[in-house]
Amino acid sequence: MKAMVVQLGRIGDLILLTPMLEELKNKYSAHVTLLVGPSNYSIIKGHPAIDRIIVLNKAPHKLLFTLIKLLIKRFDVWIDPRDHHSTEGRLLARIGRAKMKIGFNSEAKKAVFTHGISNVNHNLHQVQIGLNALRPLGYELGNEIPRPTLPLNPNSEKNIDEFLGTQANHFTLLNISASKDDKMWHEDLWVRFIKAQSNLLGEFVLCHAPNHKGIANSIISKLGREIKVFSSPEISDIVSLISRARLLIGPDTSLVHIAAAFNIPVLALYSGLDDFYVKFRPLSEIEVSVRADKGDTGLKSITLDNLTEDYNYILKQLS
């Protein structure tokens, strides 16, 4: 079976789709082509469940070339696992050539998918939503939510070997970055947490996105001591670093889902939005979520005491 899977979302969405891709490969012996955006695909390169990656670059001269590829190529099944309306997804499905097309058909629009996806997924994790797209093929959800899987990049493995040196995998990774400002905890609270827990933290690495270098430097200056800091534009470097950690601490980001791929314990800071939490909660076996007050769309209501209490709790689980 030749299968096309469309995932143009964020890095986290792509990570959480890997259990579905593995089911396609292992249960249905599919040759899997993945259609992705230019900003998310590098994390999935080399994954054994994917046979081919097509990058949808929207630059005019590149977009036309990609659309011609889709017009020429024939598939047995076209899968867009989104459980909501997407104009982009509908247009791509119209262009794609497949006997079976699985995706969300809006009631207000003419159906473009031969097999519709339900949007009644309020109690399902994003992994399960992806797997549910296989129901027209006869798939049924199990009771357990499978964790995502990710490949390790050999070059990144060497980079992290050099960075860690003798630190090996006995360190705590503390990530301060998030995609939006309201999903980031205040830097002064990070400083107070690190100072108060310095003995328990032991060896730790402060991780940040390249665009948050100023915040990281501010935290370091307020700590008044040297600490190990890591930042890289290559997501594969981050994957290798997380795979070595004893514990990941940080806000709800794709890093939480990367940790799940290697079953790394997680202490994650989440907003007070319940529906969002159900869909994107951590999947590591050992995990503790520090939740903001109900309705808080960010992390503003999470106090130092909240994080400290849950940090002490997860340390007991790790001991």
Protein backbone atom coordinates (compact mmCIF):
# COMPACT_ATOMS: atom_id res chain seq x y z
CA MET A 1 0.00 0.00 0.00
CA LYS A 2 1.28 3.44 -0.95
CA ALA A 3 0.30 6.00 1.70
CA MET A 4 0.60 9.79 1.77
CA VAL A 5 0.42 11.41 5.20
CA VAL A 6 0.07 15.18 5.51
CA GLN A 7 1.50 16.91 8.60
CA LEU A 8 2.26 20.58 8.10
CA GLY A 9 1.94 21.58 11.76
CA ARG A 10 4.46 22.29 14.47
CA ILE A 11 7.36 20.09 15.53
CA GLY A 12 5.40 18.71 18.46
CA ASP A 13 2.51 17.68 16.21
CA LEU A 14 4.90 15.78 13.95
CA ILE A 15 6.56 14.02 16.88
CA LEU A 16 3.18 12.88 18.20
CA LEU A 17 2.24 11.52 14.78
CA THR A 18 5.05 8.94 14.79
CA PRO A 19 2.98 6.16 16.44
CA MET A 20 0.50 6.44 13.57
CA LEU A 21 3.29 6.31 10.99
CA GLU A 22 4.66 3.19 12.66
CA GLU A 23 1.24 1.52 12.55
CA LEU A 24 1.00 2.27 8.83
CA LYS A 25 4.41 0.74 8.26
CA ASN A 26 4.16 -2.28 10.57
CA LYS A 27 0.49 -3.26 10.43
CA TYR A 28 -0.35 -2.28 6.87
CA SER A 29 3.09 -2.73 5.24
CA ALA A 30 2.73 0.74 3.76
CA HIS A 31 5.28 2.65 1.74
CA VAL A 32 4.91 5.93 3.64
CA THR A 33 5.41 9.34 2.05
CA LEU A 34 5.23 12.26 4.46
CA LEU A 35 4.26 15.76 3.32
CA VAL A 36 5.69 18.28 5.78
CA GLY A 37 6.52 21.96 6.17
CA PRO A 38 10.09 23.33 5.92
CA SER A 39 10.25 24.15 9.64
CA ASN A 40 9.39 20.77 11.13
CA TYR A 41 10.75 17.97 8.98
CA SER A 42 14.38 17.80 10.12
CA ILE A 43 13.45 16.11 13.40
CA ILE A 44 11.95 13.16 11.53
CA LYS A 45 14.72 12.56 8.98
CA GLY A 46 15.94 8.99 9.16
CA HIS A 47 12.85 7.63 10.92
CA PRO A 48 12.42 3.96 9.90
CA ALA A 49 8.65 4.31 9.43
CA ILE A 50 9.08 6.94 6.69
CA ASP A 51 10.18 6.02 3.18
CA ARG A 52 10.04 9.44 1.58
CA ILE A 53 9.68 13.06 2.72
CA ILE A 54 8.23 15.81 0.54
CA VAL A 55 8.71 19.34 1.88
CA LEU A 56 5.97 21.83 1.04
CA ASN A 57 7.92 25.05 0.61
CA LYS A 58 5.51 27.90 -0.17
CA ALA A 59 8.04 30.00 -2.07
CA PRO A 60 6.36 30.37 -5.51
CA HIS A 61 9.13 28.72 -7.57
CA LYS A 62 9.32 25.75 -5.17
CA LEU A 63 5.60 25.39 -4.50
CA LEU A 64 4.75 24.73 -8.14
CA PHE A 65 7.38 21.98 -8.36
CA THR A 66 5.93 20.26 -5.26
CA LEU A 67 2.35 20.48 -6.52
CA ILE A 68 3.40 18.90 -9.83
CA LYS A 69 4.97 16.04 -7.83
CA LEU A 70 1.66 15.50 -6.05
CA LEU A 71 -0.28 15.56 -9.32
CA ILE A 72 1.97 12.94 -10.91
CA LYS A 73 2.28 10.56 -7.96
CA ARG A 74 -0.52 8.05 -7.27
CA PHE A 75 -1.32 6.74 -3.78
CA ASP A 76 -3.62 4.07 -2.41
CA VAL A 77 -4.51 6.21 0.59
CA TRP A 78 -4.15 9.92 1.39
CA ILE A 79 -4.32 10.75 5.11
CA ASP A 80 -4.67 14.20 6.66
CA PRO A 81 -5.05 13.40 10.39
CA ARG A 82 -6.26 16.85 11.47
CA ASP A 83 -9.60 16.70 13.29
CA HIS A 84 -10.62 20.22 12.25
CA HIS A 85 -11.19 22.25 9.10
CA SER A 86 -8.11 23.22 7.09
CA THR A 87 -8.37 25.10 3.81
CA GLU A 88 -4.79 24.11 3.03
CA GLY A 89 -5.54 20.46 3.74
CA ARG A 90 -8.61 20.51 1.49
CA LEU A 91 -6.69 22.06 -1.41
CA LEU A 92 -3.89 19.52 -1.14
CA ALA A 93 -6.39 16.65 -0.98
CA ARG A 94 -8.03 17.92 -4.18
CA ILE A 95 -4.65 17.91 -5.92
CA GLY A 96 -3.50 14.56 -4.57
CA ARG A 97 -4.39 11.38 -6.43
CA ALA A 98 -5.52 8.50 -4.22
CA LYS A 99 -8.23 5.85 -4.19
CA MET A 100 -9.03 6.56 -0.53
CA LYS A 101 -8.74 9.99 1.07
CA ILE A 102 -9.05 10.26 4.85
CA GLY A 103 -9.52 13.64 6.52
CA PHE A 104 -11.91 16.10 8.13
CA ASN A 105 -14.93 17.08 6.04
CA SER A 106 -16.51 20.31 7.23
CA GLU A 107 -20.32 20.27 7.18
CA ALA A 108 -20.29 23.72 5.59
CA LYS A 109 -18.10 22.60 2.70
CA LYS A 110 -18.37 20.00 -0.04
CA ALA A 111 -16.64 16.80 1.04
CA VAL A 112 -13.19 16.27 -0.47
CA PHE A 113 -12.27 13.23 1.62
CA THR A 114 -13.84 9.86 0.84
CA HIS A 115 -13.66 8.90 4.53
CA GLY A 116 -14.31 11.59 7.13
CA ILE A 117 -12.58 12.05 10.48
CA SER A 118 -14.64 12.87 13.58
CA ASN A 119 -13.88 16.03 15.54
CA VAL A 120 -15.30 14.52 18.74
CA ASN A 121 -11.91 13.97 20.36
CA HIS A 122 -12.24 15.86 23.64
CA ASN A 123 -10.79 13.09 25.81
CA LEU A 124 -8.10 11.90 23.41
CA HIS A 125 -4.38 12.61 23.39
CA GLN A 126 -2.92 13.98 20.15
CA VAL A 127 -1.25 10.60 19.58
CA GLN A 128 -4.68 8.93 19.68
CA ILE A 129 -6.16 11.52 17.34
CA GLY A 130 -3.48 10.64 14.81
CA LEU A 131 -4.10 6.92 15.22
CA ASN A 132 -7.86 7.47 14.86
CA ALA A 133 -7.23 8.56 11.28
CA LEU A 134 -6.50 4.90 10.53
CA ARG A 135 -9.99 3.73 11.51
CA PRO A 136 -11.18 3.57 7.87
CA LEU A 137 -8.38 1.01 7.38
CA GLY A 138 -9.76 -1.12 10.21
CA TYR A 139 -7.58 0.18 13.04
CA GLU A 140 -9.01 0.31 16.57
CA LEU A 141 -7.56 2.32 19.45
CA GLY A 142 -6.11 0.34 22.34
CA ASN A 143 -6.26 1.27 26.01
CA GLU A 144 -2.65 2.43 26.18
CA ILE A 145 -1.26 5.51 24.48
CA PRO A 146 1.95 4.58 22.64
CA ARG A 147 4.90 6.91 23.10
CA PRO A 148 6.40 8.65 20.06
CA THR A 149 9.70 7.53 18.58
CA LEU A 150 12.55 9.56 17.12
CA PRO A 151 15.84 8.75 15.38
CA LEU A 152 19.19 9.98 16.66
CA ASN A 153 21.39 11.89 14.25
CA PRO A 154 25.02 10.59 14.22
CA ASN A 155 26.49 14.09 13.85
CA SER A 156 24.37 15.38 16.72
CA GLU A 157 25.43 12.44 18.86
CA LYS A 158 29.07 13.46 18.33
CA ASN A 159 28.23 17.10 19.13
CA ILE A 160 26.60 16.14 22.41
CA ASP A 161 29.43 13.76 23.32
CA GLU A 162 31.83 16.70 22.99
CA PHE A 163 29.52 19.09 24.86
CA LEU A 164 28.86 16.82 27.84
CA GLY A 165 32.31 15.31 28.22
CA THR A 166 32.38 13.33 31.47
CA GLN A 167 28.93 14.58 32.48
CA ALA A 168 27.40 11.60 30.65
CA ASN A 169 23.71 11.18 31.53
CA HIS A 170 23.72 12.23 35.18
CA PHE A 171 22.47 15.76 34.55
CA THR A 172 19.16 17.60 34.83
CA LEU A 173 18.17 19.56 31.73
CA LEU A 174 16.40 22.82 32.49
CA ASN A 175 14.73 24.42 29.47
CA ILE A 176 13.62 28.05 29.80
CA SER A 177 12.32 28.56 26.24
CA ALA A 178 8.88 28.24 24.68
CA SER A 179 7.27 29.25 21.39
CA LYS A 180 5.26 32.09 22.98
CA ASP A 181 6.07 34.56 25.74
CA ASP A 182 3.04 33.59 27.84
CA LYS A 183 4.22 29.96 27.83
CA MET A 184 7.54 30.98 29.42
CA TRP A 185 8.04 31.16 33.17
CA HIS A 186 9.48 34.42 34.53
CA GLU A 187 13.28 34.50 34.59
CA ASP A 188 13.43 35.76 38.19
CA LEU A 189 11.45 32.70 39.29
CA TRP A 190 13.91 30.45 37.46
CA VAL A 191 16.77 32.19 39.27
CA ARG A 192 15.11 31.71 42.66
CA PHE A 193 14.33 28.07 41.89
CA ILE A 194 17.90 27.27 40.80
CA LYS A 195 19.40 29.02 43.83
CA ALA A 196 17.04 27.29 46.26
CA GLN A 197 17.52 23.85 44.72
CA SER A 198 21.21 24.07 43.80
CA ASN A 199 22.19 21.16 46.05
CA LEU A 200 19.43 18.88 44.76
CA LEU A 201 19.90 19.89 41.12
CA GLY A 202 23.55 18.88 41.18
CA GLU A 203 24.92 18.90 37.66
CA PHE A 204 22.48 20.60 35.32
CA VAL A 205 22.39 22.12 31.86
CA LEU A 206 20.46 25.29 31.07
CA CYS A 207 18.90 24.98 27.62
CA HIS A 208 17.41 27.79 25.56
CA ALA A 209 16.35 28.61 22.01
CA PRO A 210 18.82 30.80 20.06
CA ASN A 211 16.42 33.78 20.21
CA HIS A 212 16.34 33.62 24.03
CA LYS A 213 20.07 34.09 24.54
CA GLY A 214 19.49 37.43 26.27
CA ILE A 215 17.17 35.86 28.84
CA ALA A 216 19.63 33.02 29.45
CA ASN A 217 22.49 35.49 29.97
CA SER A 218 20.35 37.48 32.39
CA ILE A 219 19.61 34.34 34.43
CA ILE A 220 23.30 33.41 34.51
CA SER A 221 24.33 36.90 35.65
CA LYS A 222 21.74 36.84 38.45
CA LEU A 223 22.95 33.41 39.59
CA GLY A 224 26.45 34.83 39.95
CA ARG A 225 28.21 31.63 38.94
CA GLU A 226 29.16 29.69 35.84
CA ILE A 227 26.77 27.04 34.62
CA LYS A 228 26.69 24.77 31.59
CA VAL A 229 24.51 26.29 28.84
CA PHE A 230 23.33 24.71 25.61
CA SER A 231 21.66 26.21 22.57
CA SER A 232 21.52 25.04 18.98
CA PRO A 233 19.49 25.86 15.87
CA GLU A 234 19.57 22.14 15.02
CA ILE A 235 16.65 20.30 16.61
CA SER A 236 18.57 17.02 16.18
CA ASP A 237 21.15 18.35 18.67
CA ILE A 238 18.35 18.98 21.17
CA VAL A 239 17.03 15.45 20.61
CA SER A 240 20.44 13.94 21.39
CA LEU A 241 20.85 16.12 24.49
CA ILE A 242 17.42 15.22 25.89
CA SER A 243 18.02 11.51 25.27
CA ARG A 244 20.97 11.67 27.72
CA ALA A 245 19.25 13.62 30.53
CA ARG A 246 18.26 12.25 33.92
CA LEU A 247 15.32 14.68 34.08
CA LEU A 248 13.84 17.43 31.89
CA ILE A 249 12.34 20.50 33.57
CA GLY A 250 10.63 23.19 31.54
CA PRO A 251 7.46 24.60 30.00
CA ASP A 252 5.13 22.70 27.70
CA THR A 253 7.01 22.57 24.39
CA SER A 254 8.03 19.97 21.82
CA LEU A 255 10.91 19.10 24.18
CA VAL A 256 8.39 17.37 26.46
CA HIS A 257 7.37 15.12 23.55
CA ILE A 258 11.00 14.50 22.59
CA ALA A 259 11.58 13.33 26.16
CA ALA A 260 8.64 10.92 25.81
CA ALA A 261 10.31 9.33 22.78
CA PHE A 262 13.19 8.25 25.05
CA ASN A 263 11.07 7.82 28.20
CA ILE A 264 13.03 10.57 29.97
CA PRO A 265 11.34 11.75 33.21
CA VAL A 266 9.66 15.14 32.86
CA LEU A 267 8.63 17.96 35.18
CA ALA A 268 6.57 20.17 32.86
CA LEU A 269 4.86 23.53 33.35
CA TYR A 270 1.44 23.71 31.66
CA SER A 271 -1.28 26.31 31.25
CA GLY A 272 -4.66 26.04 32.96
CA LEU A 273 -6.46 25.06 29.74
CA ASP A 274 -7.83 21.57 30.37
CA ASP A 275 -8.65 20.60 26.77
CA PHE A 276 -5.14 21.54 25.67
CA TYR A 277 -3.59 19.58 28.52
CA VAL A 278 -5.54 16.42 27.68
CA LYS A 279 -4.27 16.56 24.08
CA PHE A 280 -0.63 17.37 24.83
CA ARG A 281 0.11 16.00 28.30
CA PRO A 282 3.49 14.26 28.85
CA LEU A 283 3.76 10.57 27.96
CA SER A 284 6.95 9.65 29.82
CA GLU A 285 6.40 6.94 32.44
CA ILE A 286 7.67 9.25 35.16
CA GLU A 287 6.16 12.69 34.72
CA VAL A 288 4.72 15.47 36.86
CA SER A 289 2.79 18.39 35.42
CA VAL A 290 2.73 21.73 37.22
CA ARG A 291 -0.57 23.28 36.15
CA ALA A 292 -1.43 26.98 36.09
CA ASP A 293 -4.75 28.09 37.56
CA LYS A 294 -7.81 27.02 35.61
CA GLY A 295 -8.34 29.32 32.64
CA ASP A 296 -4.80 30.75 32.71
CA THR A 297 -3.64 30.57 29.09
CA GLY A 298 -0.01 30.85 30.14
CA LEU A 299 2.17 30.15 33.18
CA LYS A 300 1.73 33.39 35.13
CA SER A 301 -0.18 31.78 38.00
CA ILE A 302 2.45 29.07 38.62
CA THR A 303 4.34 30.03 41.77
CA LEU A 304 7.80 29.12 42.98
CA ASP A 305 6.19 27.01 45.70
CA ASN A 306 4.18 25.11 43.07
CA LEU A 307 7.30 24.12 41.13
CA THR A 308 9.35 23.40 44.25
CA GLU A 309 6.70 21.07 45.69
CA ASP A 310 6.40 19.08 42.46
CA TYR A 311 10.17 19.00 41.99
CA ASN A 312 10.61 17.40 45.40
CA TYR A 313 7.85 14.93 44.54
CA ILE A 314 9.44 13.80 41.25
CA LEU A 315 12.84 13.47 42.93
CA LYS A 316 11.30 10.89 45.27
CA GLN A 317 10.08 8.94 42.24
CA LEU A 318 13.56 9.03 40.73
CA SER A 319 15.34 7.88 43.87
